[in-house]
Amino acid sequence: MSVTKDDVGDLTIVKVDGDLSGVNAEELRTVAQECLRDGRRDFLVDLANTNSCDSAGLEALTWLHRQCAEQLGL
């Protein structure tokens, strides 16, 4: 699996290729944490090339959603 990011204006596009599961979900969190530390808070997660997602992957996605909501004060 690979996680890449691209900043387009205020939006950060995070692309996940392969499986989003187990320890691989941690790579998504790491990339997102770096972006959040840099003040980024608008994300689009591209799962078009993701083969599968287990509970760890879903947890990473919901974690990112919560982090963004906190940044916005929701």
Protein backbone atom coordinates (compact mmCIF):
# COMPACT_ATOMS: atom_id res chain seq x y z
CA MET A 1 0.00 0.00 0.00
CA SER A 2 1.07 3.54 -0.55
CA VAL A 3 -0.34 6.80 0.69
CA THR A 4 0.43 9.97 -1.22
CA LYS A 5 -0.79 13.50 -0.76
CA ASP A 6 -1.21 16.50 -3.00
CA ASP A 7 -2.19 19.99 -1.89
CA VAL A 8 -4.58 21.81 -4.20
CA GLY A 9 -5.30 25.22 -2.75
CA ASP A 10 -6.76 24.68 0.72
CA LEU A 11 -7.63 21.05 -0.06
CA THR A 12 -5.33 18.11 0.68
CA ILE A 13 -5.97 15.08 -1.49
CA VAL A 14 -4.80 11.85 0.15
CA LYS A 15 -4.62 8.92 -2.26
CA VAL A 16 -4.58 5.36 -0.90
CA ASP A 17 -3.38 2.60 -3.24
CA GLY A 18 -3.76 -1.05 -2.22
CA ASP A 19 -5.26 -2.31 1.04
CA LEU A 20 -6.16 0.01 3.88
CA SER A 21 -5.75 -2.38 6.78
CA GLY A 22 -3.77 -3.13 9.93
CA VAL A 23 -0.42 -1.39 10.15
CA ASN A 24 -0.96 0.17 6.71
CA ALA A 25 -3.71 2.33 8.18
CA GLU A 26 -1.03 3.85 10.40
CA GLU A 27 0.65 5.32 7.30
CA LEU A 28 -2.57 7.18 6.52
CA ARG A 29 -2.64 8.58 10.06
CA THR A 30 1.00 9.65 9.85
CA VAL A 31 0.46 11.53 6.59
CA ALA A 32 -2.70 13.15 7.95
CA GLN A 33 -1.01 14.15 11.23
CA GLU A 34 1.76 15.92 9.32
CA CYS A 35 -0.84 17.82 7.30
CA LEU A 36 -2.86 18.73 10.39
CA ARG A 37 0.30 20.03 12.11
CA ASP A 38 0.86 22.25 9.07
CA GLY A 39 -2.63 23.73 9.53
CA ARG A 40 -4.33 21.72 6.80
CA ARG A 41 -7.89 20.76 7.66
CA ASP A 42 -9.72 20.10 4.40
CA PHE A 43 -9.16 16.58 3.09
CA LEU A 44 -10.41 14.46 0.24
CA VAL A 45 -9.46 10.79 0.64
CA ASP A 46 -9.22 9.09 -2.75
CA LEU A 47 -10.00 5.38 -2.35
CA ALA A 48 -10.44 4.66 -6.08
CA ASN A 49 -7.40 2.34 -6.11
CA THR A 50 -8.03 0.81 -2.68
CA ASN A 51 -8.66 -2.94 -2.83
CA SER A 52 -10.03 -3.46 0.67
CA CYS A 53 -10.52 -1.71 3.99
CA ASP A 54 -10.76 -3.47 7.35
CA SER A 55 -11.75 -2.13 10.76
CA ALA A 56 -8.32 -0.53 11.30
CA GLY A 57 -8.71 1.32 8.01
CA LEU A 58 -12.18 2.49 8.93
CA GLU A 59 -10.88 3.60 12.31
CA ALA A 60 -8.15 5.67 10.62
CA LEU A 61 -10.74 7.33 8.37
CA THR A 62 -13.07 8.14 11.27
CA TRP A 63 -10.09 9.42 13.27
CA LEU A 64 -9.27 11.82 10.41
CA HIS A 65 -12.89 12.95 10.29
CA ARG A 66 -12.88 13.68 14.04
CA GLN A 67 -9.60 15.59 13.79
CA CYS A 68 -10.95 17.78 11.01
CA ALA A 69 -14.15 18.44 12.95
CA GLU A 70 -12.13 19.48 16.01
CA GLN A 71 -10.06 21.86 13.87
CA LEU A 72 -13.28 23.50 12.75
CA GLY A 73 -14.65 23.65 16.27
CA LEU A 74 -17.61 21.37 15.54
